PDB file of N, CA and C in Angstrom:
ATOM      1  N   MET A   1       0.837  -1.182   0.000  1.00  0.00           N
ATOM      2  CA  MET A   1       0.000   0.000   0.000  1.00  0.00           C
ATOM      3  C   MET A   1       0.880   1.244   0.000  1.00  0.00           C
ATOM      4  N   ILE A   2       0.538   2.178  -0.829  1.00  0.00           N
ATOM      5  CA  ILE A   2       1.277   3.431  -0.947  1.00  0.00           C
ATOM      6  C   ILE A   2       0.360   4.574  -0.522  1.00  0.00           C
ATOM      7  N   LEU A   3       0.868   5.426   0.354  1.00  0.00           N
ATOM      8  CA  LEU A   3       0.178   6.665   0.720  1.00  0.00           C
ATOM      9  C   LEU A   3       1.055   7.794   0.221  1.00  0.00           C
ATOM     10  N   LEU A   4       0.533   8.573  -0.713  1.00  0.00           N
ATOM     11  CA  LEU A   4       1.304   9.648  -1.319  1.00  0.00           C
ATOM     12  C   LEU A   4       0.538  10.947  -1.163  1.00  0.00           C
ATOM     13  N   GLY A   5       1.252  11.991  -0.793  1.00  0.00           N
ATOM     14  CA  GLY A   5       0.622  13.287  -0.596  1.00  0.00           C
ATOM     15  C   GLY A   5       1.395  14.391  -1.279  1.00  0.00           C
ATOM     16  N   LEU A   6       0.696  15.454  -1.561  1.00  0.00           N
ATOM     17  CA  LEU A   6       1.271  16.607  -2.227  1.00  0.00           C
ATOM     18  C   LEU A   6       0.640  17.856  -1.638  1.00  0.00           C
ATOM     19  N   GLU A   7       1.452  18.821  -1.297  1.00  0.00           N
ATOM     20  CA  GLU A   7       0.929  20.112  -0.849  1.00  0.00           C
ATOM     21  C   GLU A   7       1.331  21.144  -1.884  1.00  0.00           C
ATOM     22  N   ILE A   8       0.337  21.861  -2.407  1.00  0.00           N
ATOM     23  CA  ILE A   8       0.634  22.917  -3.371  1.00  0.00           C
ATOM     24  C   ILE A   8       0.286  24.265  -2.760  1.00  0.00           C
ATOM     25  N   LYS A   9       1.130  25.221  -3.027  1.00  0.00           N
ATOM     26  CA  LYS A   9       0.881  26.603  -2.622  1.00  0.00           C
ATOM     27  C   LYS A   9       0.711  27.387  -3.908  1.00  0.00           C
ATOM     28  N   PHE A  10      -0.345  28.181  -3.970  1.00  0.00           N
ATOM     29  CA  PHE A  10      -0.588  28.920  -5.199  1.00  0.00           C
ATOM     30  C   PHE A  10      -1.157  30.301  -4.921  1.00  0.00           C
ATOM     31  N   MET A  11      -1.060  31.124  -5.951  1.00  0.00           N
ATOM     32  CA  MET A  11      -1.599  32.482  -5.907  1.00  0.00           C
ATOM     33  C   MET A  11      -2.732  32.565  -6.919  1.00  0.00           C
ATOM     34  N   PHE A  12      -3.695  33.418  -6.622  1.00  0.00           N
ATOM     35  CA  PHE A  12      -4.776  33.669  -7.564  1.00  0.00           C
ATOM     36  C   PHE A  12      -5.435  34.992  -7.231  1.00  0.00           C
ATOM     37  N   ALA A  13      -6.227  35.499  -8.164  1.00  0.00           N
ATOM     38  CA  ALA A  13      -6.913  36.773  -7.968  1.00  0.00           C
ATOM     39  C   ALA A  13      -8.211  36.533  -7.209  1.00  0.00           C
ATOM     40  N   SER A  14      -8.357  37.236  -6.109  1.00  0.00           N
ATOM     41  CA  SER A  14      -9.560  37.111  -5.292  1.00  0.00           C
ATOM     42  C   SER A  14      -9.836  38.459  -4.644  1.00  0.00           C
ATOM     43  N   ASP A  15     -11.107  38.807  -4.532  1.00  0.00           N
ATOM     44  CA  ASP A  15     -11.482  40.099  -3.966  1.00  0.00           C
ATOM     45  C   ASP A  15     -11.699  40.051  -2.461  1.00  0.00           C
ATOM     46  N   SER A  16     -12.018  38.874  -1.932  1.00  0.00           N
ATOM     47  CA  SER A  16     -12.329  38.760  -0.506  1.00  0.00           C
ATOM     48  C   SER A  16     -12.089  37.321  -0.049  1.00  0.00           C
ATOM     49  N   LEU A  17     -12.090  37.118   1.261  1.00  0.00           N
ATOM     50  CA  LEU A  17     -11.956  35.758   1.791  1.00  0.00           C
ATOM     51  C   LEU A  17     -13.145  34.893   1.384  1.00  0.00           C
ATOM     52  N   LYS A  18     -14.315  35.512   1.297  1.00  0.00           N
ATOM     53  CA  LYS A  18     -15.510  34.770   0.881  1.00  0.00           C
ATOM     54  C   LYS A  18     -15.348  34.261  -0.557  1.00  0.00           C
ATOM     55  N   ASP A  19     -14.822  35.108  -1.427  1.00  0.00           N
ATOM     56  CA  ASP A  19     -14.574  34.726  -2.813  1.00  0.00           C
ATOM     57  C   ASP A  19     -13.512  33.626  -2.878  1.00  0.00           C
ATOM     58  N   LYS A  20     -12.455  33.756  -2.076  1.00  0.00           N
ATOM     59  CA  LYS A  20     -11.398  32.746  -2.025  1.00  0.00           C
ATOM     60  C   LYS A  20     -11.971  31.397  -1.611  1.00  0.00           C
ATOM     61  N   ARG A  21     -12.767  31.377  -0.572  1.00  0.00           N
ATOM     62  CA  ARG A  21     -13.341  30.119  -0.080  1.00  0.00           C
ATOM     63  C   ARG A  21     -14.284  29.481  -1.098  1.00  0.00           C
ATOM     64  N   ARG A  22     -15.017  30.317  -1.828  1.00  0.00           N
ATOM     65  CA  ARG A  22     -15.909  29.811  -2.870  1.00  0.00           C
ATOM     66  C   ARG A  22     -15.106  29.095  -3.959  1.00  0.00           C
ATOM     67  N   ILE A  23     -14.016  29.716  -4.388  1.00  0.00           N
ATOM     68  CA  ILE A  23     -13.164  29.122  -5.415  1.00  0.00           C
ATOM     69  C   ILE A  23     -12.527  27.828  -4.905  1.00  0.00           C
ATOM     70  N   LEU A  24     -11.998  27.860  -3.678  1.00  0.00           N
ATOM     71  CA  LEU A  24     -11.342  26.678  -3.118  1.00  0.00           C
ATOM     72  C   LEU A  24     -12.315  25.518  -2.937  1.00  0.00           C
ATOM     73  N   GLN A  25     -13.521  25.795  -2.458  1.00  0.00           N
ATOM     74  CA  GLN A  25     -14.506  24.725  -2.271  1.00  0.00           C
ATOM     75  C   GLN A  25     -14.850  24.067  -3.601  1.00  0.00           C
ATOM     76  N   SER A  26     -15.025  24.882  -4.643  1.00  0.00           N
ATOM     77  CA  SER A  26     -15.307  24.346  -5.967  1.00  0.00           C
ATOM     78  C   SER A  26     -14.148  23.483  -6.456  1.00  0.00           C
ATOM     79  N   MET A  27     -12.934  23.995  -6.308  1.00  0.00           N
ATOM     80  CA  MET A  27     -11.745  23.271  -6.749  1.00  0.00           C
ATOM     81  C   MET A  27     -11.592  21.949  -6.005  1.00  0.00           C
ATOM     82  N   MET A  28     -11.739  21.972  -4.687  1.00  0.00           N
ATOM     83  CA  MET A  28     -11.567  20.763  -3.885  1.00  0.00           C
ATOM     84  C   MET A  28     -12.615  19.711  -4.230  1.00  0.00           C
ATOM     85  N   LYS A  29     -13.852  20.140  -4.396  1.00  0.00           N
ATOM     86  CA  LYS A  29     -14.934  19.203  -4.705  1.00  0.00           C
ATOM     87  C   LYS A  29     -14.725  18.542  -6.067  1.00  0.00           C
ATOM     88  N   LYS A  30     -14.364  19.331  -7.074  1.00  0.00           N
ATOM     89  CA  LYS A  30     -14.190  18.783  -8.421  1.00  0.00           C
ATOM     90  C   LYS A  30     -12.980  17.862  -8.517  1.00  0.00           C
ATOM     91  N   VAL A  31     -11.864  18.255  -7.910  1.00  0.00           N
ATOM     92  CA  VAL A  31     -10.655  17.427  -7.957  1.00  0.00           C
ATOM     93  C   VAL A  31     -10.890  16.103  -7.237  1.00  0.00           C
ATOM     94  N   SER A  32     -11.530  16.151  -6.085  1.00  0.00           N
ATOM     95  CA  SER A  32     -11.798  14.938  -5.319  1.00  0.00           C
ATOM     96  C   SER A  32     -12.690  13.973  -6.102  1.00  0.00           C
ATOM     97  N   ALA A  33     -13.739  14.497  -6.711  1.00  0.00           N
ATOM     98  CA  ALA A  33     -14.667  13.656  -7.464  1.00  0.00           C
ATOM     99  C   ALA A  33     -14.032  13.088  -8.729  1.00  0.00           C
ATOM    100  N   LYS A  34     -13.238  13.882  -9.416  1.00  0.00           N
ATOM    101  CA  LYS A  34     -12.674  13.467 -10.701  1.00  0.00           C
ATOM    102  C   LYS A  34     -11.517  12.478 -10.557  1.00  0.00           C
ATOM    103  N   TYR A  35     -10.687  12.635  -9.530  1.00  0.00           N
ATOM    104  CA  TYR A  35      -9.468  11.828  -9.419  1.00  0.00           C
ATOM    105  C   TYR A  35      -9.436  10.889  -8.219  1.00  0.00           C
ATOM    106  N   GLY A  36     -10.469  10.863  -7.403  1.00  0.00           N
ATOM    107  CA  GLY A  36     -10.523   9.943  -6.270  1.00  0.00           C
ATOM    108  C   GLY A  36      -9.464  10.217  -5.218  1.00  0.00           C
ATOM    109  N   VAL A  37      -9.151  11.481  -5.022  1.00  0.00           N
ATOM    110  CA  VAL A  37      -8.152  11.889  -4.036  1.00  0.00           C
ATOM    111  C   VAL A  37      -8.841  12.633  -2.902  1.00  0.00           C
ATOM    112  N   THR A  38      -8.131  12.772  -1.802  1.00  0.00           N
ATOM    113  CA  THR A  38      -8.619  13.564  -0.683  1.00  0.00           C
ATOM    114  C   THR A  38      -7.958  14.930  -0.757  1.00  0.00           C
ATOM    115  N   VAL A  39      -8.750  15.988  -0.582  1.00  0.00           N
ATOM    116  CA  VAL A  39      -8.227  17.349  -0.705  1.00  0.00           C
ATOM    117  C   VAL A  39      -8.658  18.161   0.507  1.00  0.00           C
ATOM    118  N   ALA A  40      -7.728  18.961   1.036  1.00  0.00           N
ATOM    119  CA  ALA A  40      -8.036  19.829   2.177  1.00  0.00           C
ATOM    120  C   ALA A  40      -7.199  21.097   2.087  1.00  0.00           C
ATOM    121  N   GLU A  41      -7.764  22.186   2.574  1.00  0.00           N
ATOM    122  CA  GLU A  41      -7.001  23.428   2.688  1.00  0.00           C
ATOM    123  C   GLU A  41      -6.074  23.276   3.890  1.00  0.00           C
ATOM    124  N   THR A  42      -4.776  23.507   3.682  1.00  0.00           N
ATOM    125  CA  THR A  42      -3.798  23.226   4.733  1.00  0.00           C
ATOM    126  C   THR A  42      -3.048  24.451   5.241  1.00  0.00           C
ATOM    127  N   GLY A  43      -3.361  25.617   4.741  1.00  0.00           N
ATOM    128  CA  GLY A  43      -2.661  26.797   5.238  1.00  0.00           C
ATOM    129  C   GLY A  43      -3.069  28.058   4.506  1.00  0.00           C
ATOM    130  N   ASP A  44      -2.475  29.168   4.936  1.00  0.00           N
ATOM    131  CA  ASP A  44      -2.749  30.497   4.366  1.00  0.00           C
ATOM    132  C   ASP A  44      -4.241  30.833   4.418  1.00  0.00           C
ATOM    133  N   TYR A  45      -4.864  30.509   5.534  1.00  0.00           N
ATOM    134  CA  TYR A  45      -6.311  30.675   5.673  1.00  0.00           C
ATOM    135  C   TYR A  45      -6.772  32.128   5.570  1.00  0.00           C
ATOM    136  N   ASP A  46      -5.985  33.048   6.079  1.00  0.00           N
ATOM    137  CA  ASP A  46      -6.420  34.443   6.129  1.00  0.00           C
ATOM    138  C   ASP A  46      -5.804  35.315   5.046  1.00  0.00           C
ATOM    139  N   LEU A  47      -5.051  34.730   4.134  1.00  0.00           N
ATOM    140  CA  LEU A  47      -4.490  35.489   3.021  1.00  0.00           C
ATOM    141  C   LEU A  47      -5.463  35.439   1.852  1.00  0.00           C
ATOM    142  N   ILE A  48      -5.793  36.589   1.313  1.00  0.00           N
ATOM    143  CA  ILE A  48      -6.811  36.657   0.264  1.00  0.00           C
ATOM    144  C   ILE A  48      -6.316  36.073  -1.060  1.00  0.00           C
ATOM    145  N   ASN A  49      -5.047  36.298  -1.408  1.00  0.00           N
ATOM    146  CA  ASN A  49      -4.557  35.914  -2.729  1.00  0.00           C
ATOM    147  C   ASN A  49      -3.659  34.680  -2.747  1.00  0.00           C
ATOM    148  N   GLN A  50      -3.553  33.968  -1.635  1.00  0.00           N
ATOM    149  CA  GLN A  50      -2.746  32.754  -1.593  1.00  0.00           C
ATOM    150  C   GLN A  50      -3.510  31.649  -0.880  1.00  0.00           C
ATOM    151  N   ALA A  51      -3.161  30.412  -1.232  1.00  0.00           N
ATOM    152  CA  ALA A  51      -3.783  29.265  -0.569  1.00  0.00           C
ATOM    153  C   ALA A  51      -2.835  28.077  -0.620  1.00  0.00           C
ATOM    154  N   LYS A  52      -3.038  27.150   0.303  1.00  0.00           N
ATOM    155  CA  LYS A  52      -2.319  25.876   0.310  1.00  0.00           C
ATOM    156  C   LYS A  52      -3.353  24.767   0.337  1.00  0.00           C
ATOM    157  N   LEU A  53      -3.179  23.813  -0.553  1.00  0.00           N
ATOM    158  CA  LEU A  53      -4.040  22.637  -0.578  1.00  0.00           C
ATOM    159  C   LEU A  53      -3.185  21.394  -0.409  1.00  0.00           C
ATOM    160  N   GLY A  54      -3.662  20.477   0.407  1.00  0.00           N
ATOM    161  CA  GLY A  54      -3.041  19.169   0.532  1.00  0.00           C
ATOM    162  C   GLY A  54      -3.890  18.172  -0.224  1.00  0.00           C
ATOM    163  N   ILE A  55      -3.234  17.349  -1.036  1.00  0.00           N
ATOM    164  CA  ILE A  55      -3.922  16.343  -1.836  1.00  0.00           C
ATOM    165  C   ILE A  55      -3.280  14.998  -1.521  1.00  0.00           C
ATOM    166  N   GLY A  56      -4.089  14.007  -1.182  1.00  0.00           N
ATOM    167  CA  GLY A  56      -3.549  12.699  -0.828  1.00  0.00           C
ATOM    168  C   GLY A  56      -4.279  11.570  -1.523  1.00  0.00           C
ATOM    169  N   ILE A  57      -3.567  10.450  -1.685  1.00  0.00           N
ATOM    170  CA  ILE A  57      -4.158   9.272  -2.321  1.00  0.00           C
ATOM    171  C   ILE A  57      -3.509   8.011  -1.747  1.00  0.00           C
ATOM    172  N   VAL A  58      -4.300   6.960  -1.646  1.00  0.00           N
ATOM    173  CA  VAL A  58      -3.810   5.639  -1.247  1.00  0.00           C
ATOM    174  C   VAL A  58      -3.981   4.727  -2.456  1.00  0.00           C
ATOM    175  N   SER A  59      -2.914   3.987  -2.783  1.00  0.00           N
ATOM    176  CA  SER A  59      -2.952   3.130  -3.963  1.00  0.00           C
ATOM    177  C   SER A  59      -2.011   1.946  -3.774  1.00  0.00           C
ATOM    178  N   ASN A  60      -2.172   0.940  -4.612  1.00  0.00           N
ATOM    179  CA  ASN A  60      -1.241  -0.188  -4.632  1.00  0.00           C
ATOM    180  C   ASN A  60      -0.018   0.114  -5.488  1.00  0.00           C
ATOM    181  N   SER A  61      -0.124   1.140  -6.335  1.00  0.00           N
ATOM    182  CA  SER A  61       0.938   1.461  -7.283  1.00  0.00           C
ATOM    183  C   SER A  61       1.441   2.886  -7.064  1.00  0.00           C
ATOM    184  N   TYR A  62       2.748   3.012  -6.852  1.00  0.00           N
ATOM    185  CA  TYR A  62       3.338   4.338  -6.666  1.00  0.00           C
ATOM    186  C   TYR A  62       3.164   5.185  -7.922  1.00  0.00           C
ATOM    187  N   SER A  63       3.402   4.585  -9.093  1.00  0.00           N
ATOM    188  CA  SER A  63       3.310   5.347 -10.341  1.00  0.00           C
ATOM    189  C   SER A  63       1.883   5.829 -10.598  1.00  0.00           C
ATOM    190  N   PHE A  64       0.886   5.003 -10.267  1.00  0.00           N
ATOM    191  CA  PHE A  64      -0.508   5.417 -10.430  1.00  0.00           C
ATOM    192  C   PHE A  64      -0.835   6.576  -9.496  1.00  0.00           C
ATOM    193  N   ALA A  65      -0.409   6.477  -8.243  1.00  0.00           N
ATOM    194  CA  ALA A  65      -0.678   7.541  -7.269  1.00  0.00           C
ATOM    195  C   ALA A  65      -0.027   8.844  -7.709  1.00  0.00           C
ATOM    196  N   GLU A  66       1.212   8.768  -8.157  1.00  0.00           N
ATOM    197  CA  GLU A  66       1.923   9.964  -8.617  1.00  0.00           C
ATOM    198  C   GLU A  66       1.228  10.576  -9.831  1.00  0.00           C
ATOM    199  N   LYS A  67       0.775   9.717 -10.748  1.00  0.00           N
ATOM    200  CA  LYS A  67       0.083  10.200 -11.940  1.00  0.00           C
ATOM    201  C   LYS A  67      -1.223  10.909 -11.573  1.00  0.00           C
ATOM    202  N   MET A  68      -1.986  10.352 -10.645  1.00  0.00           N
ATOM    203  CA  MET A  68      -3.250  10.967 -10.241  1.00  0.00           C
ATOM    204  C   MET A  68      -3.021  12.330  -9.572  1.00  0.00           C
ATOM    205  N   LEU A  69      -2.003  12.427  -8.732  1.00  0.00           N
ATOM    206  CA  LEU A  69      -1.715  13.707  -8.081  1.00  0.00           C
ATOM    207  C   LEU A  69      -1.269  14.750  -9.100  1.00  0.00           C
ATOM    208  N   ASN A  70      -0.440  14.349 -10.055  1.00  0.00           N
ATOM    209  CA  ASN A  70      -0.020  15.286 -11.103  1.00  0.00           C
ATOM    210  C   ASN A  70      -1.198  15.730 -11.961  1.00  0.00           C
ATOM    211  N   LYS A  71      -2.096  14.796 -12.270  1.00  0.00           N
ATOM    212  CA  LYS A  71      -3.293  15.149 -13.041  1.00  0.00           C
ATOM    213  C   LYS A  71      -4.188  16.104 -12.259  1.00  0.00           C
ATOM    214  N   ALA A  72      -4.287  15.911 -10.955  1.00  0.00           N
ATOM    215  CA  ALA A  72      -5.101  16.796 -10.121  1.00  0.00           C
ATOM    216  C   ALA A  72      -4.549  18.219 -10.145  1.00  0.00           C
ATOM    217  N   VAL A  73      -3.231  18.357 -10.041  1.00  0.00           N
ATOM    218  CA  VAL A  73      -2.612  19.687 -10.092  1.00  0.00           C
ATOM    219  C   VAL A  73      -2.807  20.304 -11.473  1.00  0.00           C
ATOM    220  N   ASP A  74      -2.613  19.520 -12.525  1.00  0.00           N
ATOM    221  CA  ASP A  74      -2.817  20.021 -13.888  1.00  0.00           C
ATOM    222  C   ASP A  74      -4.255  20.485 -14.091  1.00  0.00           C
ATOM    223  N   PHE A  75      -5.215  19.735 -13.549  1.00  0.00           N
ATOM    224  CA  PHE A  75      -6.622  20.122 -13.650  1.00  0.00           C
ATOM    225  C   PHE A  75      -6.852  21.484 -12.997  1.00  0.00           C
ATOM    226  N   CYS A  76      -6.287  21.670 -11.816  1.00  0.00           N
ATOM    227  CA  CYS A  76      -6.441  22.950 -11.111  1.00  0.00           C
ATOM    228  C   CYS A  76      -5.865  24.097 -11.930  1.00  0.00           C
ATOM    229  N   GLU A  77      -4.684  23.881 -12.495  1.00  0.00           N
ATOM    230  CA  GLU A  77      -4.039  24.935 -13.285  1.00  0.00           C
ATOM    231  C   GLU A  77      -4.800  25.225 -14.575  1.00  0.00           C
ATOM    232  N   ASP A  78      -5.402  24.203 -15.173  1.00  0.00           N
ATOM    233  CA  ASP A  78      -6.117  24.379 -16.437  1.00  0.00           C
ATOM    234  C   ASP A  78      -7.504  24.989 -16.268  1.00  0.00           C
ATOM    235  N   HIS A  79      -8.173  24.719 -15.138  1.00  0.00           N
ATOM    236  CA  HIS A  79      -9.566  25.125 -14.976  1.00  0.00           C
ATOM    237  C   HIS A  79      -9.791  26.284 -14.006  1.00  0.00           C
ATOM    238  N   TYR A  80      -8.752  26.710 -13.328  1.00  0.00           N
ATOM    239  CA  TYR A  80      -8.885  27.810 -12.372  1.00  0.00           C
ATOM    240  C   TYR A  80      -7.747  28.802 -12.600  1.00  0.00           C
ATOM    241  N   PRO A  81      -8.008  30.077 -12.334  1.00  0.00           N
ATOM    242  CA  PRO A  81      -6.971  31.103 -12.572  1.00  0.00           C
ATOM    243  C   PRO A  81      -5.938  31.125 -11.451  1.00  0.00           C
ATOM    244  N   ILE A  82      -5.104  30.082 -11.380  1.00  0.00           N
ATOM    245  CA  ILE A  82      -4.111  29.995 -10.310  1.00  0.00           C
ATOM    246  C   ILE A  82      -2.707  29.894 -10.897  1.00  0.00           C
ATOM    247  N   GLU A  83      -1.730  30.239 -10.069  1.00  0.00           N
ATOM    248  CA  GLU A  83      -0.320  30.075 -10.411  1.00  0.00           C
ATOM    249  C   GLU A  83       0.342  29.325  -9.262  1.00  0.00           C
ATOM    250  N   VAL A  84       0.741  28.086  -9.509  1.00  0.00           N
ATOM    251  CA  VAL A  84       1.389  27.273  -8.478  1.00  0.00           C
ATOM    252  C   VAL A  84       2.785  27.832  -8.233  1.00  0.00           C
ATOM    253  N   ILE A  85       3.083  28.144  -6.957  1.00  0.00           N
ATOM    254  CA  ILE A  85       4.390  28.707  -6.626  1.00  0.00           C
ATOM    255  C   ILE A  85       5.252  27.745  -5.819  1.00  0.00           C
ATOM    256  N   ALA A  86       4.679  26.652  -5.311  1.00  0.00           N
ATOM    257  CA  ALA A  86       5.464  25.657  -4.570  1.00  0.00           C
ATOM    258  C   ALA A  86       4.719  24.326  -4.545  1.00  0.00           C
ATOM    259  N   GLN A  87       5.489  23.234  -4.589  1.00  0.00           N
ATOM    260  CA  GLN A  87       4.946  21.880  -4.462  1.00  0.00           C
ATOM    261  C   GLN A  87       5.841  21.093  -3.520  1.00  0.00           C
ATOM    262  N   ASP A  88       5.251  20.440  -2.548  1.00  0.00           N
ATOM    263  CA  ASP A  88       5.987  19.576  -1.627  1.00  0.00           C
ATOM    264  C   ASP A  88       5.345  18.194  -1.647  1.00  0.00           C
ATOM    265  N   TRP A  89       6.155  17.163  -1.931  1.00  0.00           N
ATOM    266  CA  TRP A  89       5.679  15.784  -1.969  1.00  0.00           C
ATOM    267  C   TRP A  89       5.933  15.110  -0.635  1.00  0.00           C
ATOM    268  N   TYR A  90       5.006  14.234  -0.227  1.00  0.00           N
ATOM    269  CA  TYR A  90       5.121  13.482   1.026  1.00  0.00           C
ATOM    270  C   TYR A  90       4.827  12.011   0.762  1.00  0.00           C
ATOM    271  N   GLU A  91       5.678  11.148   1.294  1.00  0.00           N
ATOM    272  CA  GLU A  91       5.464   9.703   1.137  1.00  0.00           C
ATOM    273  C   GLU A  91       5.181   9.083   2.477  1.00  0.00           C
TER     274      GLU A  91
END
């Protein structure tokens, strides 16, 4: 069994914390449903233009888990106006 995690820190345009939370909730819900991963906001709670998301997956295959996490990040970058500024992998 492989447990693989990724924390991404990103910047995006947001007018308020309410707007930020709306965007993050949409992103977390769609990524979780599409890729079968667990997603949670892990930091930068009070910053309007930055956020941290933790994404995790359990799998029998390391390569499959890594591929799903990379696809999840690519989905976020393609469908939301964000710029990833840091990625940290956890095994």
